[in-house]
Amino acid sequence: MDKRSLGTGLVVLALLLAPVFLPGYASFQLTQTIGLALALVGLNVLMGWGGQPSLGQGAFFAIGAYAAAMLMQTGLPWWLGVPAAGLVAAAAAWLIGKPILRLEQTYLALATFAMALAVPQLLRFGAWERWVGGAAGLQLDRPAPPAWLPAAVTQDVWMYWIALGVAAAALVAVNAVLRGRLGLDLRAVRDHATAANACGIDVARTKTLAFVLCAACGGLGGALYALNVQLVTPDSFTIFLSLTLVVGLTIGGPGTLAGPLVGALFVQFVPMAAGGLSNAAPWTVFGLAVLLVIFVEPRGLVGLWQRVRPRAAAARRQPHLHSR
């Protein structure tokens, strides 16, 4: 077994066993991080790989959360409700994307911004309060761990494993898509849409598929959020959620595979740490972090690591060369 395979195996083992040895609240936070990372994976497809601006990922996060809650209240098991929620968000994106993806850059960003503003208000609309619960929202139950598992596997640990499994399956699927024809088309559209169209790439179809994949991941993340929190309300999905997701992707590294995870960790834990200083500290940290990334490394923390790592490796090799 080579070092890379051994390292991958150790990382997987650590991810699986971490919640067993952590307090329940830490497992809860890690599950939240996985849900956010899934939403950022989708946003990365659209913004990082496709070069299309979006301020509306929070809307698809909300659609997925409410879809999961509504489906599970009808008696559907979680293992059907979660993927179904992703499909519902994808279907919504397909319908919405047809008209708004004709817009370019600033106007597209404003259209998705309007969508993120509208969804929480629509969830309060009295006409369908009986289905979505109005301002009070909807409650749902967490999946209980199977009886055959040991007592150390609590409900928090089981929920974390569910989220980890869903995220792993989604990452494999997204990575396969990006390595295929759609990934090539997305990069071509991002670099020069007119040239891509001249080469025979269906730009409208490519943008729509990226938008749908972005929404599907956001819906899956929202469904995991709903299962973990056990309550969904309109106030959980304000415009600040969409802005936070964009900040997370910017900090982590758009167009990189690890960027969404790094961004999710930043969004989940840095504001909590900064909140101990003052109520305004989290947004101050967000603003300063974005400015720092823009001026120092536009590709985010992962891009910074990719730039610094070869230099560090070369610096480590130099003493050995001099010693010879």
C-alpha atoms as a PDB file:
ATOM      1  CA  MET A   1       0.000   0.000   0.000  1.00  0.00           C
ATOM      2  CA  ASP A   2       1.442   3.390  -1.004  1.00  0.00           C
ATOM      3  CA  LYS A   3       1.544   6.420   1.261  1.00  0.00           C
ATOM      4  CA  ARG A   4      -1.314   8.169  -0.516  1.00  0.00           C
ATOM      5  CA  SER A   5      -3.710   5.220  -0.097  1.00  0.00           C
ATOM      6  CA  LEU A   6      -2.686   4.835   3.537  1.00  0.00           C
ATOM      7  CA  GLY A   7      -3.243   8.544   4.176  1.00  0.00           C
ATOM      8  CA  THR A   8      -6.666   8.446   2.524  1.00  0.00           C
ATOM      9  CA  GLY A   9      -7.652   5.429   4.611  1.00  0.00           C
ATOM     10  CA  LEU A  10      -6.567   7.130   7.833  1.00  0.00           C
ATOM     11  CA  VAL A  11      -8.531  10.271   6.952  1.00  0.00           C
ATOM     12  CA  VAL A  12     -11.678   8.219   6.237  1.00  0.00           C
ATOM     13  CA  LEU A  13     -11.251   6.319   9.503  1.00  0.00           C
ATOM     14  CA  ALA A  14     -10.790   9.574  11.428  1.00  0.00           C
ATOM     15  CA  LEU A  15     -13.918  11.065   9.844  1.00  0.00           C
ATOM     16  CA  LEU A  16     -15.963   8.004  10.784  1.00  0.00           C
ATOM     17  CA  LEU A  17     -14.741   7.714  14.367  1.00  0.00           C
ATOM     18  CA  ALA A  18     -14.437  11.410  15.268  1.00  0.00           C
ATOM     19  CA  PRO A  19     -18.019  11.877  16.531  1.00  0.00           C
ATOM     20  CA  VAL A  20     -17.806   8.795  18.750  1.00  0.00           C
ATOM     21  CA  PHE A  21     -15.166  10.505  20.875  1.00  0.00           C
ATOM     22  CA  LEU A  22     -16.591  14.023  20.701  1.00  0.00           C
ATOM     23  CA  PRO A  23     -19.384  15.533  22.804  1.00  0.00           C
ATOM     24  CA  GLY A  24     -22.854  15.558  21.280  1.00  0.00           C
ATOM     25  CA  TYR A  25     -22.840  19.259  20.464  1.00  0.00           C
ATOM     26  CA  ALA A  26     -19.569  18.909  18.545  1.00  0.00           C
ATOM     27  CA  SER A  27     -21.122  16.127  16.442  1.00  0.00           C
ATOM     28  CA  PHE A  28     -24.114  18.392  15.828  1.00  0.00           C
ATOM     29  CA  GLN A  29     -21.809  21.183  14.609  1.00  0.00           C
ATOM     30  CA  LEU A  30     -19.908  18.826  12.314  1.00  0.00           C
ATOM     31  CA  THR A  31     -23.184  17.662  10.784  1.00  0.00           C
ATOM     32  CA  GLN A  32     -24.127  21.288  10.188  1.00  0.00           C
ATOM     33  CA  THR A  33     -20.752  21.796   8.534  1.00  0.00           C
ATOM     34  CA  ILE A  34     -21.403  18.886   6.165  1.00  0.00           C
ATOM     35  CA  GLY A  35     -24.760  20.385   5.140  1.00  0.00           C
ATOM     36  CA  LEU A  36     -23.121  23.741   4.443  1.00  0.00           C
ATOM     37  CA  ALA A  37     -20.283  22.041   2.543  1.00  0.00           C
ATOM     38  CA  LEU A  38     -22.811  20.318   0.269  1.00  0.00           C
ATOM     39  CA  ALA A  39     -24.456  23.651  -0.517  1.00  0.00           C
ATOM     40  CA  LEU A  40     -21.021  25.112  -1.249  1.00  0.00           C
ATOM     41  CA  VAL A  41     -20.149  22.176  -3.526  1.00  0.00           C
ATOM     42  CA  GLY A  42     -23.173  23.102  -5.634  1.00  0.00           C
ATOM     43  CA  LEU A  43     -22.322  26.790  -5.573  1.00  0.00           C
ATOM     44  CA  ASN A  44     -18.786  25.907  -6.627  1.00  0.00           C
ATOM     45  CA  VAL A  45     -20.121  24.144  -9.731  1.00  0.00           C
ATOM     46  CA  LEU A  46     -22.002  27.247 -10.810  1.00  0.00           C
ATOM     47  CA  MET A  47     -19.602  29.991  -9.699  1.00  0.00           C
ATOM     48  CA  GLY A  48     -16.202  28.329  -9.499  1.00  0.00           C
ATOM     49  CA  TRP A  49     -16.406  26.081 -12.553  1.00  0.00           C
ATOM     50  CA  GLY A  50     -19.083  27.840 -14.575  1.00  0.00           C
ATOM     51  CA  GLY A  51     -18.210  31.446 -13.757  1.00  0.00           C
ATOM     52  CA  GLN A  52     -21.876  32.382 -13.224  1.00  0.00           C
ATOM     53  CA  PRO A  53     -22.694  34.646 -10.242  1.00  0.00           C
ATOM     54  CA  SER A  54     -25.347  33.530  -7.788  1.00  0.00           C
ATOM     55  CA  LEU A  55     -26.701  35.049  -4.602  1.00  0.00           C
ATOM     56  CA  GLY A  56     -29.593  32.595  -4.374  1.00  0.00           C
ATOM     57  CA  GLN A  57     -28.149  29.347  -3.028  1.00  0.00           C
ATOM     58  CA  GLY A  58     -29.887  29.956   0.288  1.00  0.00           C
ATOM     59  CA  ALA A  59     -33.231  29.705  -1.527  1.00  0.00           C
ATOM     60  CA  PHE A  60     -32.456  26.174  -2.747  1.00  0.00           C
ATOM     61  CA  PHE A  61     -31.151  25.315   0.711  1.00  0.00           C
ATOM     62  CA  ALA A  62     -34.568  26.362   2.060  1.00  0.00           C
ATOM     63  CA  ILE A  63     -36.462  24.464  -0.649  1.00  0.00           C
ATOM     64  CA  GLY A  64     -34.550  21.287   0.202  1.00  0.00           C
ATOM     65  CA  ALA A  65     -35.126  21.713   3.933  1.00  0.00           C
ATOM     66  CA  TYR A  66     -38.870  22.305   3.553  1.00  0.00           C
ATOM     67  CA  ALA A  67     -39.239  19.542   0.963  1.00  0.00           C
ATOM     68  CA  ALA A  68     -37.591  17.040   3.323  1.00  0.00           C
ATOM     69  CA  ALA A  69     -39.772  18.163   6.246  1.00  0.00           C
ATOM     70  CA  MET A  70     -43.008  18.008   4.235  1.00  0.00           C
ATOM     71  CA  LEU A  71     -42.208  14.621   2.706  1.00  0.00           C
ATOM     72  CA  MET A  72     -41.214  13.086   6.025  1.00  0.00           C
ATOM     73  CA  GLN A  73     -44.383  14.384   7.664  1.00  0.00           C
ATOM     74  CA  THR A  74     -46.306  12.251   5.174  1.00  0.00           C
ATOM     75  CA  GLY A  75     -44.499   9.171   6.492  1.00  0.00           C
ATOM     76  CA  LEU A  76     -41.723   8.951   3.906  1.00  0.00           C
ATOM     77  CA  PRO A  77     -38.481   7.559   5.455  1.00  0.00           C
ATOM     78  CA  TRP A  78     -35.447   9.809   5.625  1.00  0.00           C
ATOM     79  CA  TRP A  79     -33.460   7.724   3.142  1.00  0.00           C
ATOM     80  CA  LEU A  80     -36.082   8.588   0.515  1.00  0.00           C
ATOM     81  CA  GLY A  81     -36.928  12.069   1.778  1.00  0.00           C
ATOM     82  CA  VAL A  82     -33.377  13.446   1.587  1.00  0.00           C
ATOM     83  CA  PRO A  83     -32.655  12.550  -2.068  1.00  0.00           C
ATOM     84  CA  ALA A  84     -36.224  13.533  -2.979  1.00  0.00           C
ATOM     85  CA  ALA A  85     -35.577  16.967  -1.463  1.00  0.00           C
ATOM     86  CA  GLY A  86     -32.540  17.338  -3.715  1.00  0.00           C
ATOM     87  CA  LEU A  87     -34.682  16.436  -6.725  1.00  0.00           C
ATOM     88  CA  VAL A  88     -37.341  18.977  -5.717  1.00  0.00           C
ATOM     89  CA  ALA A  89     -34.697  21.716  -5.511  1.00  0.00           C
ATOM     90  CA  ALA A  90     -33.281  20.624  -8.882  1.00  0.00           C
ATOM     91  CA  ALA A  91     -36.755  20.748 -10.459  1.00  0.00           C
ATOM     92  CA  ALA A  92     -37.299  24.249  -9.063  1.00  0.00           C
ATOM     93  CA  ALA A  93     -33.959  25.328 -10.523  1.00  0.00           C
ATOM     94  CA  TRP A  94     -34.896  23.894 -13.908  1.00  0.00           C
ATOM     95  CA  LEU A  95     -38.098  25.952 -13.967  1.00  0.00           C
ATOM     96  CA  ILE A  96     -36.494  29.131 -12.627  1.00  0.00           C
ATOM     97  CA  GLY A  97     -33.285  28.780 -14.616  1.00  0.00           C
ATOM     98  CA  LYS A  98     -34.899  28.841 -18.050  1.00  0.00           C
ATOM     99  CA  PRO A  99     -35.729  32.572 -17.903  1.00  0.00           C
ATOM    100  CA  ILE A 100     -33.096  33.994 -15.527  1.00  0.00           C
ATOM    101  CA  LEU A 101     -30.061  32.271 -17.080  1.00  0.00           C
ATOM    102  CA  ARG A 102     -30.602  34.392 -20.178  1.00  0.00           C
ATOM    103  CA  LEU A 103     -29.294  37.252 -18.056  1.00  0.00           C
ATOM    104  CA  GLU A 104     -25.594  37.993 -17.739  1.00  0.00           C
ATOM    105  CA  GLN A 105     -23.343  38.707 -14.764  1.00  0.00           C
ATOM    106  CA  THR A 106     -24.743  41.658 -12.730  1.00  0.00           C
ATOM    107  CA  TYR A 107     -28.343  41.079 -13.829  1.00  0.00           C
ATOM    108  CA  LEU A 108     -28.085  37.355 -13.131  1.00  0.00           C
ATOM    109  CA  ALA A 109     -26.684  38.094  -9.680  1.00  0.00           C
ATOM    110  CA  LEU A 110     -29.595  40.470  -9.006  1.00  0.00           C
ATOM    111  CA  ALA A 111     -32.127  37.898 -10.223  1.00  0.00           C
ATOM    112  CA  THR A 112     -30.772  35.227  -7.869  1.00  0.00           C
ATOM    113  CA  PHE A 113     -30.602  37.825  -5.096  1.00  0.00           C
ATOM    114  CA  ALA A 114     -34.305  38.543  -5.615  1.00  0.00           C
ATOM    115  CA  MET A 115     -35.022  34.811  -5.454  1.00  0.00           C
ATOM    116  CA  ALA A 116     -33.225  34.532  -2.107  1.00  0.00           C
ATOM    117  CA  LEU A 117     -35.246  37.491  -0.811  1.00  0.00           C
ATOM    118  CA  ALA A 118     -38.556  36.101  -2.048  1.00  0.00           C
ATOM    119  CA  VAL A 119     -38.432  32.495  -0.810  1.00  0.00           C
ATOM    120  CA  PRO A 120     -38.564  33.238   2.955  1.00  0.00           C
ATOM    121  CA  GLN A 121     -41.487  35.600   2.383  1.00  0.00           C
ATOM    122  CA  LEU A 122     -43.331  33.043   0.265  1.00  0.00           C
ATOM    123  CA  LEU A 123     -42.939  30.506   3.065  1.00  0.00           C
ATOM    124  CA  ARG A 124     -44.903  32.877   5.327  1.00  0.00           C
ATOM    125  CA  PHE A 125     -47.720  33.277   2.804  1.00  0.00           C
ATOM    126  CA  GLY A 126     -51.027  32.366   4.433  1.00  0.00           C
ATOM    127  CA  ALA A 127     -52.465  30.526   1.435  1.00  0.00           C
ATOM    128  CA  TRP A 128     -50.216  27.506   1.991  1.00  0.00           C
ATOM    129  CA  GLU A 129     -49.605  27.819   5.731  1.00  0.00           C
ATOM    130  CA  ARG A 130     -51.286  24.439   6.276  1.00  0.00           C
ATOM    131  CA  TRP A 131     -48.466  22.788   4.286  1.00  0.00           C
ATOM    132  CA  VAL A 132     -45.390  24.830   5.252  1.00  0.00           C
ATOM    133  CA  GLY A 133     -46.427  25.904   8.745  1.00  0.00           C
ATOM    134  CA  GLY A 134     -46.202  29.676   8.208  1.00  0.00           C
ATOM    135  CA  ALA A 135     -43.923  31.609  10.564  1.00  0.00           C
ATOM    136  CA  ALA A 136     -43.887  28.696  13.042  1.00  0.00           C
ATOM    137  CA  GLY A 137     -42.389  26.350  10.456  1.00  0.00           C
ATOM    138  CA  LEU A 138     -42.367  22.562  10.487  1.00  0.00           C
ATOM    139  CA  GLN A 139     -40.939  20.026  12.899  1.00  0.00           C
ATOM    140  CA  LEU A 140     -39.473  16.657  12.016  1.00  0.00           C
ATOM    141  CA  ASP A 141     -37.773  13.810  13.828  1.00  0.00           C
ATOM    142  CA  ARG A 142     -34.166  12.791  13.566  1.00  0.00           C
ATOM    143  CA  PRO A 143     -33.445   9.260  12.368  1.00  0.00           C
ATOM    144  CA  ALA A 144     -32.861   6.880  15.267  1.00  0.00           C
ATOM    145  CA  PRO A 145     -29.764   4.640  15.105  1.00  0.00           C
ATOM    146  CA  PRO A 146     -30.476   0.963  14.390  1.00  0.00           C
ATOM    147  CA  ALA A 147     -30.863  -1.215  17.487  1.00  0.00           C
ATOM    148  CA  TRP A 148     -27.969  -3.483  16.469  1.00  0.00           C
ATOM    149  CA  LEU A 149     -25.414  -0.657  16.781  1.00  0.00           C
ATOM    150  CA  PRO A 150     -23.548  -0.284  20.100  1.00  0.00           C
ATOM    151  CA  ALA A 151     -24.706   2.220  22.710  1.00  0.00           C
ATOM    152  CA  ALA A 152     -21.781   4.532  21.853  1.00  0.00           C
ATOM    153  CA  VAL A 153     -23.540   5.332  18.571  1.00  0.00           C
ATOM    154  CA  THR A 154     -25.901   8.039  19.776  1.00  0.00           C
ATOM    155  CA  GLN A 155     -28.465   9.884  17.684  1.00  0.00           C
ATOM    156  CA  ASP A 156     -25.915  12.665  17.103  1.00  0.00           C
ATOM    157  CA  VAL A 157     -23.318  10.188  15.844  1.00  0.00           C
ATOM    158  CA  TRP A 158     -25.857   8.422  13.598  1.00  0.00           C
ATOM    159  CA  MET A 159     -27.004  11.732  12.121  1.00  0.00           C
ATOM    160  CA  TYR A 160     -23.382  12.639  11.419  1.00  0.00           C
ATOM    161  CA  TRP A 161     -22.798   9.328   9.649  1.00  0.00           C
ATOM    162  CA  ILE A 162     -25.921   9.850   7.541  1.00  0.00           C
ATOM    163  CA  ALA A 163     -24.742  13.329   6.532  1.00  0.00           C
ATOM    164  CA  LEU A 164     -21.251  12.049   5.796  1.00  0.00           C
ATOM    165  CA  GLY A 165     -22.617   9.246   3.608  1.00  0.00           C
ATOM    166  CA  VAL A 166     -24.915  11.576   1.659  1.00  0.00           C
ATOM    167  CA  ALA A 167     -22.101  14.088   1.186  1.00  0.00           C
ATOM    168  CA  ALA A 168     -19.659  11.398   0.027  1.00  0.00           C
ATOM    169  CA  ALA A 169     -22.133  10.086  -2.552  1.00  0.00           C
ATOM    170  CA  ALA A 170     -22.868  13.627  -3.785  1.00  0.00           C
ATOM    171  CA  LEU A 171     -19.152  14.465  -4.036  1.00  0.00           C
ATOM    172  CA  VAL A 172     -18.438  11.340  -6.074  1.00  0.00           C
ATOM    173  CA  ALA A 173     -21.311  12.188  -8.434  1.00  0.00           C
ATOM    174  CA  VAL A 174     -20.314  15.859  -8.821  1.00  0.00           C
ATOM    175  CA  ASN A 175     -16.660  14.958  -9.354  1.00  0.00           C
ATOM    176  CA  ALA A 176     -17.649  12.456 -12.056  1.00  0.00           C
ATOM    177  CA  VAL A 177     -19.760  15.116 -13.787  1.00  0.00           C
ATOM    178  CA  LEU A 178     -16.997  17.717 -13.655  1.00  0.00           C
ATOM    179  CA  ARG A 179     -14.489  15.259 -15.109  1.00  0.00           C
ATOM    180  CA  GLY A 180     -16.821  14.585 -18.033  1.00  0.00           C
ATOM    181  CA  ARG A 181     -18.153  16.633 -20.920  1.00  0.00           C
ATOM    182  CA  LEU A 182     -20.123  19.039 -18.733  1.00  0.00           C
ATOM    183  CA  GLY A 183     -16.993  20.007 -16.805  1.00  0.00           C
ATOM    184  CA  LEU A 184     -15.156  20.820 -20.019  1.00  0.00           C
ATOM    185  CA  ASP A 185     -18.112  22.798 -21.323  1.00  0.00           C
ATOM    186  CA  LEU A 186     -18.410  24.731 -18.064  1.00  0.00           C
ATOM    187  CA  ARG A 187     -14.776  25.783 -18.139  1.00  0.00           C
ATOM    188  CA  ALA A 188     -15.123  26.848 -21.762  1.00  0.00           C
ATOM    189  CA  VAL A 189     -18.222  28.938 -20.975  1.00  0.00           C
ATOM    190  CA  ARG A 190     -16.486  30.456 -17.951  1.00  0.00           C
ATOM    191  CA  ASP A 191     -13.395  31.446 -19.932  1.00  0.00           C
ATOM    192  CA  HIS A 192     -15.213  32.807 -23.004  1.00  0.00           C
ATOM    193  CA  ALA A 193     -18.897  32.159 -23.647  1.00  0.00           C
ATOM    194  CA  THR A 194     -18.844  33.549 -27.187  1.00  0.00           C
ATOM    195  CA  ALA A 195     -15.904  31.372 -28.192  1.00  0.00           C
ATOM    196  CA  ALA A 196     -17.554  28.350 -26.552  1.00  0.00           C
ATOM    197  CA  ASN A 197     -20.721  28.957 -28.548  1.00  0.00           C
ATOM    198  CA  ALA A 198     -18.666  29.266 -31.753  1.00  0.00           C
ATOM    199  CA  CYS A 199     -17.090  25.873 -30.981  1.00  0.00           C
ATOM    200  CA  GLY A 200     -20.509  24.229 -30.883  1.00  0.00           C
ATOM    201  CA  ILE A 201     -21.133  24.228 -27.136  1.00  0.00           C
ATOM    202  CA  ASP A 202     -24.758  24.815 -26.177  1.00  0.00           C
ATOM    203  CA  VAL A 203     -24.129  27.648 -23.707  1.00  0.00           C
ATOM    204  CA  ALA A 204     -27.744  27.908 -22.505  1.00  0.00           C
ATOM    205  CA  ARG A 205     -27.963  24.158 -21.845  1.00  0.00           C
ATOM    206  CA  THR A 206     -24.590  24.140 -20.054  1.00  0.00           C
ATOM    207  CA  LYS A 207     -25.609  27.004 -17.765  1.00  0.00           C
ATOM    208  CA  THR A 208     -28.948  25.354 -17.021  1.00  0.00           C
ATOM    209  CA  LEU A 209     -27.360  22.011 -16.117  1.00  0.00           C
ATOM    210  CA  ALA A 210     -24.867  23.766 -13.835  1.00  0.00           C
ATOM    211  CA  PHE A 211     -27.717  25.690 -12.193  1.00  0.00           C
ATOM    212  CA  VAL A 212     -29.688  22.474 -11.665  1.00  0.00           C
ATOM    213  CA  LEU A 213     -26.685  20.644 -10.203  1.00  0.00           C
ATOM    214  CA  CYS A 214     -25.990  23.630  -7.947  1.00  0.00           C
ATOM    215  CA  ALA A 215     -29.577  23.582  -6.683  1.00  0.00           C
ATOM    216  CA  ALA A 216     -29.604  19.798  -6.172  1.00  0.00           C
ATOM    217  CA  CYS A 217     -26.570  20.014  -3.895  1.00  0.00           C
ATOM    218  CA  GLY A 218     -28.109  22.972  -2.078  1.00  0.00           C
ATOM    219  CA  GLY A 219     -31.338  21.003  -1.605  1.00  0.00           C
ATOM    220  CA  LEU A 220     -29.444  18.018  -0.198  1.00  0.00           C
ATOM    221  CA  GLY A 221     -27.595  20.297   2.204  1.00  0.00           C
ATOM    222  CA  GLY A 222     -30.871  21.878   3.297  1.00  0.00           C
ATOM    223  CA  ALA A 223     -32.455  18.460   3.850  1.00  0.00           C
ATOM    224  CA  LEU A 224     -29.548  17.404   6.089  1.00  0.00           C
ATOM    225  CA  TYR A 225     -29.855  20.708   7.955  1.00  0.00           C
ATOM    226  CA  ALA A 226     -33.560  20.084   8.546  1.00  0.00           C
ATOM    227  CA  LEU A 227     -32.948  16.563   9.833  1.00  0.00           C
ATOM    228  CA  ASN A 228     -30.197  17.744  12.144  1.00  0.00           C
ATOM    229  CA  VAL A 229     -32.007  20.767  13.594  1.00  0.00           C
ATOM    230  CA  GLN A 230     -35.452  19.065  13.540  1.00  0.00           C
ATOM    231  CA  LEU A 231     -37.131  22.401  12.802  1.00  0.00           C
ATOM    232  CA  VAL A 232     -37.417  24.578   9.702  1.00  0.00           C
ATOM    233  CA  THR A 233     -38.744  28.139   9.792  1.00  0.00           C
ATOM    234  CA  PRO A 234     -38.588  31.004   7.256  1.00  0.00           C
ATOM    235  CA  ASP A 235     -36.264  32.934   9.578  1.00  0.00           C
ATOM    236  CA  SER A 236     -33.608  30.228   9.156  1.00  0.00           C
ATOM    237  CA  PHE A 237     -33.196  31.024   5.447  1.00  0.00           C
ATOM    238  CA  THR A 238     -32.868  34.783   5.138  1.00  0.00           C
ATOM    239  CA  ILE A 239     -30.737  36.563   2.537  1.00  0.00           C
ATOM    240  CA  PHE A 240     -27.842  36.429   4.983  1.00  0.00           C
ATOM    241  CA  LEU A 241     -27.618  32.683   4.427  1.00  0.00           C
ATOM    242  CA  SER A 242     -27.029  33.175   0.700  1.00  0.00           C
ATOM    243  CA  LEU A 243     -24.455  35.905   1.367  1.00  0.00           C
ATOM    244  CA  THR A 244     -22.730  33.697   3.936  1.00  0.00           C
ATOM    245  CA  LEU A 245     -22.474  30.851   1.436  1.00  0.00           C
ATOM    246  CA  VAL A 246     -20.875  33.141  -1.160  1.00  0.00           C
ATOM    247  CA  VAL A 247     -18.404  34.335   1.468  1.00  0.00           C
ATOM    248  CA  GLY A 248     -17.627  30.734   2.417  1.00  0.00           C
ATOM    249  CA  LEU A 249     -16.854  29.756  -1.171  1.00  0.00           C
ATOM    250  CA  THR A 250     -14.749  32.899  -1.684  1.00  0.00           C
ATOM    251  CA  ILE A 251     -12.708  32.169   1.447  1.00  0.00           C
ATOM    252  CA  GLY A 252     -12.364  28.448   0.754  1.00  0.00           C
ATOM    253  CA  GLY A 253     -11.450  28.716  -2.902  1.00  0.00           C
ATOM    254  CA  PRO A 254     -13.795  28.790  -5.912  1.00  0.00           C
ATOM    255  CA  GLY A 255     -12.981  26.323  -8.646  1.00  0.00           C
ATOM    256  CA  THR A 256     -11.114  23.968  -6.290  1.00  0.00           C
ATOM    257  CA  LEU A 257     -12.234  20.591  -4.969  1.00  0.00           C
ATOM    258  CA  ALA A 258     -11.374  21.284  -1.330  1.00  0.00           C
ATOM    259  CA  GLY A 259     -12.619  24.890  -1.323  1.00  0.00           C
ATOM    260  CA  PRO A 260     -16.225  24.090  -0.284  1.00  0.00           C
ATOM    261  CA  LEU A 261     -15.086  22.092   2.758  1.00  0.00           C
ATOM    262  CA  VAL A 262     -12.647  24.787   3.878  1.00  0.00           C
ATOM    263  CA  GLY A 263     -15.332  27.427   3.340  1.00  0.00           C
ATOM    264  CA  ALA A 264     -17.903  25.436   5.314  1.00  0.00           C
ATOM    265  CA  LEU A 265     -15.494  25.079   8.240  1.00  0.00           C
ATOM    266  CA  PHE A 266     -14.876  28.822   8.125  1.00  0.00           C
ATOM    267  CA  VAL A 267     -18.592  29.676   8.007  1.00  0.00           C
ATOM    268  CA  GLN A 268     -19.480  27.253  10.804  1.00  0.00           C
ATOM    269  CA  PHE A 269     -16.717  27.854  13.337  1.00  0.00           C
ATOM    270  CA  VAL A 270     -15.054  31.236  12.780  1.00  0.00           C
ATOM    271  CA  PRO A 271     -18.191  33.351  13.466  1.00  0.00           C
ATOM    272  CA  MET A 272     -18.828  31.322  16.632  1.00  0.00           C
ATOM    273  CA  ALA A 273     -15.316  32.058  17.858  1.00  0.00           C
ATOM    274  CA  ALA A 274     -15.595  35.725  16.890  1.00  0.00           C
ATOM    275  CA  GLY A 275     -19.019  35.985  18.537  1.00  0.00           C
ATOM    276  CA  GLY A 276     -17.323  35.665  21.901  1.00  0.00           C
ATOM    277  CA  LEU A 277     -15.761  39.075  21.359  1.00  0.00           C
ATOM    278  CA  SER A 278     -18.911  41.013  20.418  1.00  0.00           C
ATOM    279  CA  ASN A 279     -22.161  40.628  18.503  1.00  0.00           C
ATOM    280  CA  ALA A 280     -20.743  42.548  15.542  1.00  0.00           C
ATOM    281  CA  ALA A 281     -17.492  40.575  15.405  1.00  0.00           C
ATOM    282  CA  PRO A 282     -18.686  37.732  13.105  1.00  0.00           C
ATOM    283  CA  TRP A 283     -19.637  40.087  10.259  1.00  0.00           C
ATOM    284  CA  THR A 284     -16.484  42.130  10.816  1.00  0.00           C
ATOM    285  CA  VAL A 285     -14.413  38.960  10.472  1.00  0.00           C
ATOM    286  CA  PHE A 286     -16.360  38.014   7.323  1.00  0.00           C
ATOM    287  CA  GLY A 287     -15.716  41.401   5.741  1.00  0.00           C
ATOM    288  CA  LEU A 288     -12.029  41.502   6.618  1.00  0.00           C
ATOM    289  CA  ALA A 289     -11.532  37.911   5.443  1.00  0.00           C
ATOM    290  CA  VAL A 290     -13.132  38.642   2.067  1.00  0.00           C
ATOM    291  CA  LEU A 291     -11.004  41.777   1.567  1.00  0.00           C
ATOM    292  CA  LEU A 292      -7.870  39.870   2.540  1.00  0.00           C
ATOM    293  CA  VAL A 293      -8.619  37.060   0.092  1.00  0.00           C
ATOM    294  CA  ILE A 294      -9.432  39.478  -2.739  1.00  0.00           C
ATOM    295  CA  PHE A 295      -6.155  41.353  -2.368  1.00  0.00           C
ATOM    296  CA  VAL A 296      -3.822  38.493  -1.381  1.00  0.00           C
ATOM    297  CA  GLU A 297      -5.133  35.330  -3.045  1.00  0.00           C
ATOM    298  CA  PRO A 298      -8.358  35.487  -5.115  1.00  0.00           C
ATOM    299  CA  ARG A 299      -8.400  31.673  -5.281  1.00  0.00           C
ATOM    300  CA  GLY A 300      -9.023  31.460  -1.529  1.00  0.00           C
ATOM    301  CA  LEU A 301      -7.241  29.518   1.186  1.00  0.00           C
ATOM    302  CA  VAL A 302      -6.956  26.394  -0.957  1.00  0.00           C
ATOM    303  CA  GLY A 303      -5.430  28.443  -3.774  1.00  0.00           C
ATOM    304  CA  LEU A 304      -2.999  29.963  -1.285  1.00  0.00           C
ATOM    305  CA  TRP A 305      -2.010  26.488  -0.108  1.00  0.00           C
ATOM    306  CA  GLN A 306      -1.523  25.321  -3.708  1.00  0.00           C
ATOM    307  CA  ARG A 307       0.758  28.307  -4.310  1.00  0.00           C
ATOM    308  CA  VAL A 308       2.777  27.992  -1.102  1.00  0.00           C
ATOM    309  CA  ARG A 309       3.116  24.197  -0.971  1.00  0.00           C
ATOM    310  CA  PRO A 310       5.549  23.792  -3.943  1.00  0.00           C
ATOM    311  CA  ARG A 311       7.752  26.569  -2.569  1.00  0.00           C
ATOM    312  CA  ALA A 312       7.819  24.953   0.863  1.00  0.00           C
ATOM    313  CA  ALA A 313       8.679  21.582  -0.682  1.00  0.00           C
ATOM    314  CA  ALA A 314      11.479  23.174  -2.717  1.00  0.00           C
ATOM    315  CA  ALA A 315      12.830  24.916   0.374  1.00  0.00           C
ATOM    316  CA  ARG A 316      12.920  21.580   2.228  1.00  0.00           C
ATOM    317  CA  ARG A 317      14.854  19.953  -0.617  1.00  0.00           C
ATOM    318  CA  GLN A 318      17.507  22.672  -0.836  1.00  0.00           C
ATOM    319  CA  PRO A 319      19.420  21.714   2.375  1.00  0.00           C
ATOM    320  CA  HIS A 320      19.723  18.156   1.060  1.00  0.00           C
ATOM    321  CA  LEU A 321      21.111  19.437  -2.247  1.00  0.00           C
ATOM    322  CA  HIS A 322      23.683  21.649  -0.469  1.00  0.00           C
ATOM    323  CA  SER A 323      24.750  18.792   1.789  1.00  0.00           C
ATOM    324  CA  ARG A 324      25.708  16.746  -1.272  1.00  0.00           C
END
